[in-house]
Amino acid sequence: MSSSWKSYFKGEEHAAVYNKIRPSPPQALIQNIVDYLLEKLKSPLNEALDVGCGSGQSTKVLEPYFKKITGIDPSEEQIIEAQSKNTYPKITYRIGSAEKIEYPDASVQLITASQACHWFDLPKFYEEVERILVPGGILAMYGYLLPTPMWKEKTEELSGIVYKYYNIALGKYIPPESRMVYLENYRGDDFMKIPFAKEPIIRDESVSSENPGTVADIVGFMKSGSAFQNFLNIEGSAKASVLLQEFEKELMDTLGISAPPEETPIIIQYKYFVIMARKPLP
């Protein structure tokens, strides 16, 4: 993985915030991935690997489909957080690298990477994926756009505030890797030209999720991101605190609600995109 990820995803507190705030992938997205996998792979679904699993949101959603699932991540704090919340006997979490995966050849039917592969050394990751996947197995790399706070007729205005703070207030602090997901949505050749794939790459943008949340959750999402963590590292905690307070105040002023942010309910929409590539069958 890119060495810069360590600057943004470190510490027990950040791992806990990430686990609390970041969404689990919707089941419809996972079902679409599994359906594509089974179009040509007719054997029982035995094993899946989730690379860059973080605190486990993207690992546990695979549990209904596979007999064994492993989540790996280079962050010890994230793995500890994932393990502490794990209630599934079929799921194992361990520290691991996307560029050198400790798995035997042709052993896994599905490899996923959720909101993570922009941090990988992709040529090395693709080599490992090709080695580990069974023939007919697939790689699914997916992510989501910036969250949209939905509240009656205020949705467009609230979404504009999120966009403004991310792209303007934090704009020069956005790491290049994060731009690949939030602003480019993995449309570059590094993601759409996968060396081992002989079939056309599948890109699906049909799935979104709408989750109950609060204004405090939107602020927490911004706080958990690499752009804000970069701002915090460079500008210091005082300026970072002010930025979050201003962001929160603008959201609350737009809603015109006097309740505390953590008690102000909204719907949070996440729009997903997924790229799928199949290892050729013999």
C-alpha atoms as a PDB file:
ATOM      1  CA  MET A   1       0.000   0.000   0.000  1.00  0.00           C
ATOM      2  CA  SER A   2       1.006   3.614  -0.463  1.00  0.00           C
ATOM      3  CA  SER A   3       2.996   4.739   2.559  1.00  0.00           C
ATOM      4  CA  SER A   4       0.823   7.848   2.882  1.00  0.00           C
ATOM      5  CA  TRP A   5      -2.169   5.897   4.202  1.00  0.00           C
ATOM      6  CA  LYS A   6      -0.406   5.698   7.584  1.00  0.00           C
ATOM      7  CA  SER A   7      -0.765   9.454   7.994  1.00  0.00           C
ATOM      8  CA  TYR A   8      -4.547   9.272   7.807  1.00  0.00           C
ATOM      9  CA  PHE A   9      -5.625   5.955   9.332  1.00  0.00           C
ATOM     10  CA  LYS A  10      -3.812   5.565  12.612  1.00  0.00           C
ATOM     11  CA  GLY A  11      -4.757   5.401  16.262  1.00  0.00           C
ATOM     12  CA  GLU A  12      -7.433   3.592  18.233  1.00  0.00           C
ATOM     13  CA  GLU A  13      -9.725   6.632  18.359  1.00  0.00           C
ATOM     14  CA  HIS A  14      -9.727   7.042  14.583  1.00  0.00           C
ATOM     15  CA  ALA A  15     -10.410   3.321  14.080  1.00  0.00           C
ATOM     16  CA  ALA A  16     -13.403   3.543  16.434  1.00  0.00           C
ATOM     17  CA  VAL A  17     -14.767   6.636  14.657  1.00  0.00           C
ATOM     18  CA  TYR A  18     -14.302   4.976  11.278  1.00  0.00           C
ATOM     19  CA  ASN A  19     -16.182   1.877  12.461  1.00  0.00           C
ATOM     20  CA  LYS A  20     -19.043   3.963  13.856  1.00  0.00           C
ATOM     21  CA  ILE A  21     -19.447   6.375  10.953  1.00  0.00           C
ATOM     22  CA  ARG A  22     -18.576   4.555   7.737  1.00  0.00           C
ATOM     23  CA  PRO A  23     -21.431   2.624   6.086  1.00  0.00           C
ATOM     24  CA  SER A  24     -21.640  -1.103   5.478  1.00  0.00           C
ATOM     25  CA  PRO A  25     -22.096  -1.902   1.778  1.00  0.00           C
ATOM     26  CA  PRO A  26     -25.762  -2.482   0.884  1.00  0.00           C
ATOM     27  CA  GLN A  27     -26.755  -6.099   0.408  1.00  0.00           C
ATOM     28  CA  ALA A  28     -27.948  -5.303  -3.127  1.00  0.00           C
ATOM     29  CA  LEU A  29     -24.381  -4.412  -4.109  1.00  0.00           C
ATOM     30  CA  ILE A  30     -22.983  -7.651  -2.695  1.00  0.00           C
ATOM     31  CA  GLN A  31     -25.767  -9.648  -4.354  1.00  0.00           C
ATOM     32  CA  ASN A  32     -24.867  -8.102  -7.734  1.00  0.00           C
ATOM     33  CA  ILE A  33     -21.232  -9.126  -7.192  1.00  0.00           C
ATOM     34  CA  VAL A  34     -22.156 -12.672  -6.220  1.00  0.00           C
ATOM     35  CA  ASP A  35     -24.578 -12.975  -9.147  1.00  0.00           C
ATOM     36  CA  TYR A  36     -21.809 -11.974 -11.564  1.00  0.00           C
ATOM     37  CA  LEU A  37     -19.418 -14.433  -9.910  1.00  0.00           C
ATOM     38  CA  LEU A  38     -21.907 -17.280 -10.347  1.00  0.00           C
ATOM     39  CA  GLU A  39     -22.551 -16.567 -14.012  1.00  0.00           C
ATOM     40  CA  LYS A  40     -19.540 -18.725 -14.895  1.00  0.00           C
ATOM     41  CA  LEU A  41     -18.342 -20.186 -11.607  1.00  0.00           C
ATOM     42  CA  LYS A  42     -20.677 -23.060 -10.783  1.00  0.00           C
ATOM     43  CA  SER A  43     -18.836 -24.541  -7.807  1.00  0.00           C
ATOM     44  CA  PRO A  44     -20.003 -23.875  -4.214  1.00  0.00           C
ATOM     45  CA  LEU A  45     -18.862 -20.571  -2.750  1.00  0.00           C
ATOM     46  CA  ASN A  46     -16.122 -21.595  -0.343  1.00  0.00           C
ATOM     47  CA  GLU A  47     -13.836 -18.649   0.330  1.00  0.00           C
ATOM     48  CA  ALA A  48     -13.668 -14.869  -0.058  1.00  0.00           C
ATOM     49  CA  LEU A  49     -10.978 -12.337   0.810  1.00  0.00           C
ATOM     50  CA  ASP A  50     -11.620  -8.678   1.668  1.00  0.00           C
ATOM     51  CA  VAL A  51      -8.468  -6.584   1.169  1.00  0.00           C
ATOM     52  CA  GLY A  52      -8.147  -3.271   2.979  1.00  0.00           C
ATOM     53  CA  CYS A  53     -11.011  -4.333   5.227  1.00  0.00           C
ATOM     54  CA  GLY A  54     -10.581  -1.523   7.763  1.00  0.00           C
ATOM     55  CA  SER A  55     -12.867  -2.081  10.715  1.00  0.00           C
ATOM     56  CA  GLY A  56     -14.806  -4.831   8.948  1.00  0.00           C
ATOM     57  CA  GLN A  57     -17.889  -3.180   7.416  1.00  0.00           C
ATOM     58  CA  SER A  58     -17.117  -4.637   3.992  1.00  0.00           C
ATOM     59  CA  THR A  59     -16.172  -8.078   5.323  1.00  0.00           C
ATOM     60  CA  LYS A  60     -19.205  -9.029   7.347  1.00  0.00           C
ATOM     61  CA  VAL A  61     -21.618  -8.490   4.432  1.00  0.00           C
ATOM     62  CA  LEU A  62     -20.001 -11.474   2.668  1.00  0.00           C
ATOM     63  CA  GLU A  63     -20.937 -13.830   5.517  1.00  0.00           C
ATOM     64  CA  PRO A  64     -24.234 -15.145   4.050  1.00  0.00           C
ATOM     65  CA  TYR A  65     -22.558 -16.329   0.859  1.00  0.00           C
ATOM     66  CA  PHE A  66     -19.239 -18.004   1.747  1.00  0.00           C
ATOM     67  CA  LYS A  67     -18.045 -20.735   4.081  1.00  0.00           C
ATOM     68  CA  LYS A  68     -14.921 -18.767   5.028  1.00  0.00           C
ATOM     69  CA  ILE A  69     -14.139 -15.058   4.806  1.00  0.00           C
ATOM     70  CA  THR A  70     -10.906 -13.293   5.699  1.00  0.00           C
ATOM     71  CA  GLY A  71     -10.412  -9.551   6.054  1.00  0.00           C
ATOM     72  CA  ILE A  72      -6.894  -8.111   5.897  1.00  0.00           C
ATOM     73  CA  ASP A  73      -5.661  -4.582   6.526  1.00  0.00           C
ATOM     74  CA  PRO A  74      -2.210  -3.090   7.245  1.00  0.00           C
ATOM     75  CA  SER A  75      -3.538  -1.088  10.214  1.00  0.00           C
ATOM     76  CA  GLU A  76      -3.238  -2.921  13.521  1.00  0.00           C
ATOM     77  CA  GLU A  77      -5.757  -0.523  15.102  1.00  0.00           C
ATOM     78  CA  GLN A  78      -8.336  -1.199  12.402  1.00  0.00           C
ATOM     79  CA  ILE A  79      -7.897  -4.968  12.745  1.00  0.00           C
ATOM     80  CA  ILE A  80      -8.260  -4.762  16.530  1.00  0.00           C
ATOM     81  CA  GLU A  81     -11.466  -2.756  16.034  1.00  0.00           C
ATOM     82  CA  ALA A  82     -12.788  -5.303  13.516  1.00  0.00           C
ATOM     83  CA  GLN A  83     -11.979  -8.230  15.786  1.00  0.00           C
ATOM     84  CA  SER A  84     -13.649  -6.584  18.769  1.00  0.00           C
ATOM     85  CA  LYS A  85     -16.965  -6.355  16.859  1.00  0.00           C
ATOM     86  CA  ASN A  86     -16.759  -9.731  15.108  1.00  0.00           C
ATOM     87  CA  THR A  87     -19.630 -12.078  15.975  1.00  0.00           C
ATOM     88  CA  TYR A  88     -19.292 -14.400  12.961  1.00  0.00           C
ATOM     89  CA  PRO A  89     -17.359 -17.689  13.369  1.00  0.00           C
ATOM     90  CA  LYS A  90     -16.747 -17.847   9.617  1.00  0.00           C
ATOM     91  CA  ILE A  91     -14.900 -14.492   9.546  1.00  0.00           C
ATOM     92  CA  THR A  92     -11.239 -13.976  10.432  1.00  0.00           C
ATOM     93  CA  TYR A  93      -9.347 -10.677  10.523  1.00  0.00           C
ATOM     94  CA  ARG A  94      -5.592 -10.274  10.336  1.00  0.00           C
ATOM     95  CA  ILE A  95      -2.935  -7.708   9.515  1.00  0.00           C
ATOM     96  CA  GLY A  96      -1.867  -7.974   5.895  1.00  0.00           C
ATOM     97  CA  SER A  97      -0.679  -6.143   2.802  1.00  0.00           C
ATOM     98  CA  ALA A  98      -2.468  -5.737  -0.536  1.00  0.00           C
ATOM     99  CA  GLU A  99       0.816  -6.138  -2.382  1.00  0.00           C
ATOM    100  CA  LYS A 100       1.946  -9.381  -0.780  1.00  0.00           C
ATOM    101  CA  ILE A 101      -1.029 -11.428   0.322  1.00  0.00           C
ATOM    102  CA  GLU A 102      -0.265 -14.507   2.373  1.00  0.00           C
ATOM    103  CA  TYR A 103      -2.622 -16.854   0.583  1.00  0.00           C
ATOM    104  CA  PRO A 104      -1.980 -19.945  -1.559  1.00  0.00           C
ATOM    105  CA  ASP A 105      -2.343 -19.929  -5.335  1.00  0.00           C
ATOM    106  CA  ALA A 106      -5.829 -20.436  -6.819  1.00  0.00           C
ATOM    107  CA  SER A 107      -7.521 -20.591  -3.435  1.00  0.00           C
ATOM    108  CA  VAL A 108     -10.138 -17.810  -3.355  1.00  0.00           C
ATOM    109  CA  GLN A 109     -13.258 -17.316  -5.452  1.00  0.00           C
ATOM    110  CA  LEU A 110     -13.867 -13.654  -4.670  1.00  0.00           C
ATOM    111  CA  ILE A 111     -11.537 -10.805  -3.709  1.00  0.00           C
ATOM    112  CA  THR A 112     -13.119  -7.515  -2.694  1.00  0.00           C
ATOM    113  CA  ALA A 113     -11.672  -4.096  -1.936  1.00  0.00           C
ATOM    114  CA  SER A 114     -14.121  -1.540  -0.556  1.00  0.00           C
ATOM    115  CA  GLN A 115     -13.150   2.155  -0.511  1.00  0.00           C
ATOM    116  CA  ALA A 116      -9.536   0.953  -0.273  1.00  0.00           C
ATOM    117  CA  CYS A 117      -7.802   0.122  -3.546  1.00  0.00           C
ATOM    118  CA  HIS A 118      -6.873   3.742  -4.276  1.00  0.00           C
ATOM    119  CA  TRP A 119      -4.259   3.244  -1.526  1.00  0.00           C
ATOM    120  CA  PHE A 120      -2.807   0.095  -3.150  1.00  0.00           C
ATOM    121  CA  ASP A 121       0.167  -0.335  -5.448  1.00  0.00           C
ATOM    122  CA  LEU A 122      -2.230  -1.576  -8.115  1.00  0.00           C
ATOM    123  CA  PRO A 123       0.191  -3.454 -10.427  1.00  0.00           C
ATOM    124  CA  LYS A 124       1.456  -5.513  -7.473  1.00  0.00           C
ATOM    125  CA  PHE A 125      -2.086  -5.980  -6.148  1.00  0.00           C
ATOM    126  CA  TYR A 126      -3.311  -7.220  -9.539  1.00  0.00           C
ATOM    127  CA  GLU A 127      -0.460  -9.726  -9.678  1.00  0.00           C
ATOM    128  CA  GLU A 128      -1.478 -11.080  -6.272  1.00  0.00           C
ATOM    129  CA  VAL A 129      -5.150 -11.174  -7.250  1.00  0.00           C
ATOM    130  CA  GLU A 130      -4.384 -13.154 -10.397  1.00  0.00           C
ATOM    131  CA  ARG A 131      -2.270 -15.598  -8.393  1.00  0.00           C
ATOM    132  CA  ILE A 132      -4.808 -16.128  -5.617  1.00  0.00           C
ATOM    133  CA  LEU A 133      -8.094 -16.260  -7.532  1.00  0.00           C
ATOM    134  CA  VAL A 134      -9.380 -19.596  -8.772  1.00  0.00           C
ATOM    135  CA  PRO A 135     -10.062 -19.695 -12.534  1.00  0.00           C
ATOM    136  CA  GLY A 136     -13.417 -18.007 -13.027  1.00  0.00           C
ATOM    137  CA  GLY A 137     -13.087 -16.083  -9.747  1.00  0.00           C
ATOM    138  CA  ILE A 138     -13.569 -12.334  -9.700  1.00  0.00           C
ATOM    139  CA  LEU A 139     -12.092  -9.175  -8.258  1.00  0.00           C
ATOM    140  CA  ALA A 140     -14.660  -6.571  -7.146  1.00  0.00           C
ATOM    141  CA  MET A 141     -13.373  -3.085  -6.311  1.00  0.00           C
ATOM    142  CA  TYR A 142     -16.026  -0.681  -5.135  1.00  0.00           C
ATOM    143  CA  GLY A 143     -16.589   2.584  -3.357  1.00  0.00           C
ATOM    144  CA  TYR A 144     -19.059   5.369  -2.701  1.00  0.00           C
ATOM    145  CA  LEU A 145     -19.348   9.062  -3.392  1.00  0.00           C
ATOM    146  CA  LEU A 146     -19.498  11.780  -0.755  1.00  0.00           C
ATOM    147  CA  PRO A 147     -22.604  11.306   1.412  1.00  0.00           C
ATOM    148  CA  THR A 148     -25.781  13.210   0.607  1.00  0.00           C
ATOM    149  CA  PRO A 149     -27.737  14.450   3.659  1.00  0.00           C
ATOM    150  CA  MET A 150     -31.437  14.147   2.788  1.00  0.00           C
ATOM    151  CA  TRP A 151     -34.038  16.253   4.609  1.00  0.00           C
ATOM    152  CA  LYS A 152     -37.283  17.379   2.964  1.00  0.00           C
ATOM    153  CA  GLU A 153     -36.724  20.278   0.552  1.00  0.00           C
ATOM    154  CA  LYS A 154     -33.246  20.991   1.970  1.00  0.00           C
ATOM    155  CA  THR A 155     -31.426  18.028   0.388  1.00  0.00           C
ATOM    156  CA  GLU A 156     -29.807  19.940  -2.474  1.00  0.00           C
ATOM    157  CA  GLU A 157     -28.641  22.743  -0.181  1.00  0.00           C
ATOM    158  CA  LEU A 158     -27.236  20.316   2.399  1.00  0.00           C
ATOM    159  CA  SER A 159     -25.433  18.357  -0.310  1.00  0.00           C
ATOM    160  CA  GLY A 160     -23.914  21.608  -1.553  1.00  0.00           C
ATOM    161  CA  ILE A 161     -22.514  22.301   1.923  1.00  0.00           C
ATOM    162  CA  VAL A 162     -20.856  18.870   2.045  1.00  0.00           C
ATOM    163  CA  TYR A 163     -19.387  19.431  -1.417  1.00  0.00           C
ATOM    164  CA  LYS A 164     -18.155  22.930  -0.489  1.00  0.00           C
ATOM    165  CA  TYR A 165     -16.360  21.846   2.665  1.00  0.00           C
ATOM    166  CA  TYR A 166     -14.754  18.844   1.002  1.00  0.00           C
ATOM    167  CA  ASN A 167     -13.745  20.466  -2.267  1.00  0.00           C
ATOM    168  CA  ILE A 168     -13.031  24.033  -1.108  1.00  0.00           C
ATOM    169  CA  ALA A 169     -12.289  24.173   2.618  1.00  0.00           C
ATOM    170  CA  LEU A 170     -10.366  20.900   2.460  1.00  0.00           C
ATOM    171  CA  GLY A 171      -9.603  20.980  -1.262  1.00  0.00           C
ATOM    172  CA  LYS A 172      -5.832  21.465  -1.133  1.00  0.00           C
ATOM    173  CA  TYR A 173      -5.567  18.860   1.645  1.00  0.00           C
ATOM    174  CA  ILE A 174      -7.233  16.048  -0.341  1.00  0.00           C
ATOM    175  CA  PRO A 175      -4.608  13.338  -0.958  1.00  0.00           C
ATOM    176  CA  PRO A 176      -4.252  12.278  -4.604  1.00  0.00           C
ATOM    177  CA  GLU A 177      -5.427   8.788  -3.637  1.00  0.00           C
ATOM    178  CA  SER A 178      -8.686  10.122  -2.189  1.00  0.00           C
ATOM    179  CA  ARG A 179      -9.373  12.123  -5.346  1.00  0.00           C
ATOM    180  CA  MET A 180      -9.397   8.822  -7.229  1.00  0.00           C
ATOM    181  CA  VAL A 181     -12.429   7.630  -5.288  1.00  0.00           C
ATOM    182  CA  TYR A 182     -14.464  10.688  -4.246  1.00  0.00           C
ATOM    183  CA  LEU A 183     -13.911  12.871  -7.310  1.00  0.00           C
ATOM    184  CA  GLU A 184     -12.974  10.424 -10.092  1.00  0.00           C
ATOM    185  CA  ASN A 185     -14.910   7.348  -8.905  1.00  0.00           C
ATOM    186  CA  TYR A 186     -12.183   4.939 -10.124  1.00  0.00           C
ATOM    187  CA  ARG A 187     -12.612   5.944 -13.764  1.00  0.00           C
ATOM    188  CA  GLY A 188      -8.885   6.086 -14.526  1.00  0.00           C
ATOM    189  CA  ASP A 189      -7.057   3.474 -16.603  1.00  0.00           C
ATOM    190  CA  ASP A 190      -5.371   2.094 -13.478  1.00  0.00           C
ATOM    191  CA  PHE A 191      -8.774   0.770 -12.395  1.00  0.00           C
ATOM    192  CA  MET A 192     -10.468   0.108 -15.738  1.00  0.00           C
ATOM    193  CA  LYS A 193      -7.576  -1.773 -17.392  1.00  0.00           C
ATOM    194  CA  ILE A 194      -6.879  -4.874 -15.312  1.00  0.00           C
ATOM    195  CA  PRO A 195      -4.052  -6.995 -16.777  1.00  0.00           C
ATOM    196  CA  PHE A 196      -5.403 -10.479 -16.086  1.00  0.00           C
ATOM    197  CA  ALA A 197      -8.956  -9.802 -17.325  1.00  0.00           C
ATOM    198  CA  LYS A 198      -9.769 -11.124 -20.788  1.00  0.00           C
ATOM    199  CA  GLU A 199     -13.476 -10.325 -20.644  1.00  0.00           C
ATOM    200  CA  PRO A 200     -14.691  -6.696 -20.667  1.00  0.00           C
ATOM    201  CA  ILE A 201     -14.469  -5.003 -17.274  1.00  0.00           C
ATOM    202  CA  ILE A 202     -17.890  -4.615 -15.662  1.00  0.00           C
ATOM    203  CA  ARG A 203     -18.761  -1.246 -14.151  1.00  0.00           C
ATOM    204  CA  ASP A 204     -22.027  -0.909 -12.203  1.00  0.00           C
ATOM    205  CA  GLU A 205     -23.360   2.327 -10.701  1.00  0.00           C
ATOM    206  CA  SER A 206     -26.931   1.149 -10.063  1.00  0.00           C
ATOM    207  CA  VAL A 207     -26.855   0.764  -6.274  1.00  0.00           C
ATOM    208  CA  SER A 208     -27.331   3.358  -3.555  1.00  0.00           C
ATOM    209  CA  SER A 209     -28.288   3.143   0.097  1.00  0.00           C
ATOM    210  CA  GLU A 210     -30.295   5.448   2.328  1.00  0.00           C
ATOM    211  CA  ASN A 211     -29.448   5.120   6.002  1.00  0.00           C
ATOM    212  CA  PRO A 212     -30.948   6.821   9.049  1.00  0.00           C
ATOM    213  CA  GLY A 213     -28.424   9.107  10.706  1.00  0.00           C
ATOM    214  CA  THR A 214     -27.885  12.499  12.287  1.00  0.00           C
ATOM    215  CA  VAL A 215     -26.107  15.741  11.476  1.00  0.00           C
ATOM    216  CA  ALA A 216     -23.388  14.587  13.887  1.00  0.00           C
ATOM    217  CA  ASP A 217     -22.850  11.538  11.653  1.00  0.00           C
ATOM    218  CA  ILE A 218     -22.202  13.741   8.613  1.00  0.00           C
ATOM    219  CA  VAL A 219     -19.692  15.753  10.636  1.00  0.00           C
ATOM    220  CA  GLY A 220     -18.146  12.484  11.824  1.00  0.00           C
ATOM    221  CA  PHE A 221     -17.817  11.281   8.228  1.00  0.00           C
ATOM    222  CA  MET A 222     -15.897  14.425   7.332  1.00  0.00           C
ATOM    223  CA  LYS A 223     -13.712  13.993  10.432  1.00  0.00           C
ATOM    224  CA  SER A 224     -12.922  10.364   9.574  1.00  0.00           C
ATOM    225  CA  GLY A 225     -11.697  11.151   6.047  1.00  0.00           C
ATOM    226  CA  SER A 226      -8.110  11.475   4.876  1.00  0.00           C
ATOM    227  CA  ALA A 227      -8.587  15.087   3.707  1.00  0.00           C
ATOM    228  CA  PHE A 228      -9.566  16.215   7.199  1.00  0.00           C
ATOM    229  CA  GLN A 229      -6.838  14.083   8.803  1.00  0.00           C
ATOM    230  CA  ASN A 230      -4.342  15.757   6.472  1.00  0.00           C
ATOM    231  CA  PHE A 231      -5.699  19.185   7.461  1.00  0.00           C
ATOM    232  CA  LEU A 232      -5.392  18.218  11.125  1.00  0.00           C
ATOM    233  CA  ASN A 233      -1.794  17.049  10.716  1.00  0.00           C
ATOM    234  CA  ILE A 234      -0.741  20.219   8.880  1.00  0.00           C
ATOM    235  CA  GLU A 235      -2.839  22.966  10.489  1.00  0.00           C
ATOM    236  CA  GLY A 236      -3.228  21.614  14.018  1.00  0.00           C
ATOM    237  CA  SER A 237      -6.122  20.665  16.264  1.00  0.00           C
ATOM    238  CA  ALA A 238      -7.352  24.218  16.977  1.00  0.00           C
ATOM    239  CA  LYS A 239      -7.976  25.072  13.306  1.00  0.00           C
ATOM    240  CA  ALA A 240      -9.346  21.584  12.661  1.00  0.00           C
ATOM    241  CA  SER A 241     -11.839  21.992  15.497  1.00  0.00           C
ATOM    242  CA  VAL A 242     -12.983  25.362  14.151  1.00  0.00           C
ATOM    243  CA  LEU A 243     -13.488  23.933  10.662  1.00  0.00           C
ATOM    244  CA  LEU A 244     -15.707  21.136  11.997  1.00  0.00           C
ATOM    245  CA  GLN A 245     -17.670  23.574  14.137  1.00  0.00           C
ATOM    246  CA  GLU A 246     -18.288  25.839  11.137  1.00  0.00           C
ATOM    247  CA  PHE A 247     -19.332  22.860   9.005  1.00  0.00           C
ATOM    248  CA  GLU A 248     -21.730  21.647  11.691  1.00  0.00           C
ATOM    249  CA  LYS A 249     -23.181  25.142  12.229  1.00  0.00           C
ATOM    250  CA  GLU A 250     -23.856  25.665   8.524  1.00  0.00           C
ATOM    251  CA  LEU A 251     -25.695  22.335   8.319  1.00  0.00           C
ATOM    252  CA  MET A 252     -27.773  23.137  11.414  1.00  0.00           C
ATOM    253  CA  ASP A 253     -28.520  26.706  10.290  1.00  0.00           C
ATOM    254  CA  THR A 254     -29.738  25.354   6.947  1.00  0.00           C
ATOM    255  CA  LEU A 255     -32.050  22.908   8.680  1.00  0.00           C
ATOM    256  CA  GLY A 256     -33.280  25.603  11.054  1.00  0.00           C
ATOM    257  CA  ILE A 257     -33.443  23.146  13.949  1.00  0.00           C
ATOM    258  CA  SER A 258     -32.395  24.012  17.492  1.00  0.00           C
ATOM    259  CA  ALA A 259     -31.845  20.428  18.733  1.00  0.00           C
ATOM    260  CA  PRO A 260     -28.268  19.171  19.258  1.00  0.00           C
ATOM    261  CA  PRO A 261     -26.634  17.781  16.069  1.00  0.00           C
ATOM    262  CA  GLU A 262     -26.492  14.271  17.529  1.00  0.00           C
ATOM    263  CA  GLU A 263     -30.276  14.440  18.067  1.00  0.00           C
ATOM    264  CA  THR A 264     -31.126  15.897  14.651  1.00  0.00           C
ATOM    265  CA  PRO A 265     -32.226  13.025  12.406  1.00  0.00           C
ATOM    266  CA  ILE A 266     -31.579  12.993   8.662  1.00  0.00           C
ATOM    267  CA  ILE A 267     -31.288  10.357   5.958  1.00  0.00           C
ATOM    268  CA  ILE A 268     -27.768   9.812   4.603  1.00  0.00           C
ATOM    269  CA  GLN A 269     -27.545   8.578   1.021  1.00  0.00           C
ATOM    270  CA  TYR A 270     -24.468   6.842  -0.377  1.00  0.00           C
ATOM    271  CA  LYS A 271     -24.178   6.220  -4.123  1.00  0.00           C
ATOM    272  CA  TYR A 272     -21.953   3.238  -4.967  1.00  0.00           C
ATOM    273  CA  PHE A 273     -19.904   2.159  -7.951  1.00  0.00           C
ATOM    274  CA  VAL A 274     -18.284  -1.235  -8.482  1.00  0.00           C
ATOM    275  CA  ILE A 275     -15.695  -2.546 -10.957  1.00  0.00           C
ATOM    276  CA  MET A 276     -15.567  -6.311 -11.559  1.00  0.00           C
ATOM    277  CA  ALA A 277     -12.960  -8.356 -13.420  1.00  0.00           C
ATOM    278  CA  ARG A 278     -12.898 -12.129 -13.908  1.00  0.00           C
ATOM    279  CA  LYS A 279      -9.848 -14.390 -13.988  1.00  0.00           C
ATOM    280  CA  PRO A 280     -10.138 -16.417 -17.196  1.00  0.00           C
ATOM    281  CA  LEU A 281     -11.405 -19.957 -17.084  1.00  0.00           C
ATOM    282  CA  PRO A 282      -9.166 -22.608 -18.668  1.00  0.00           C
END
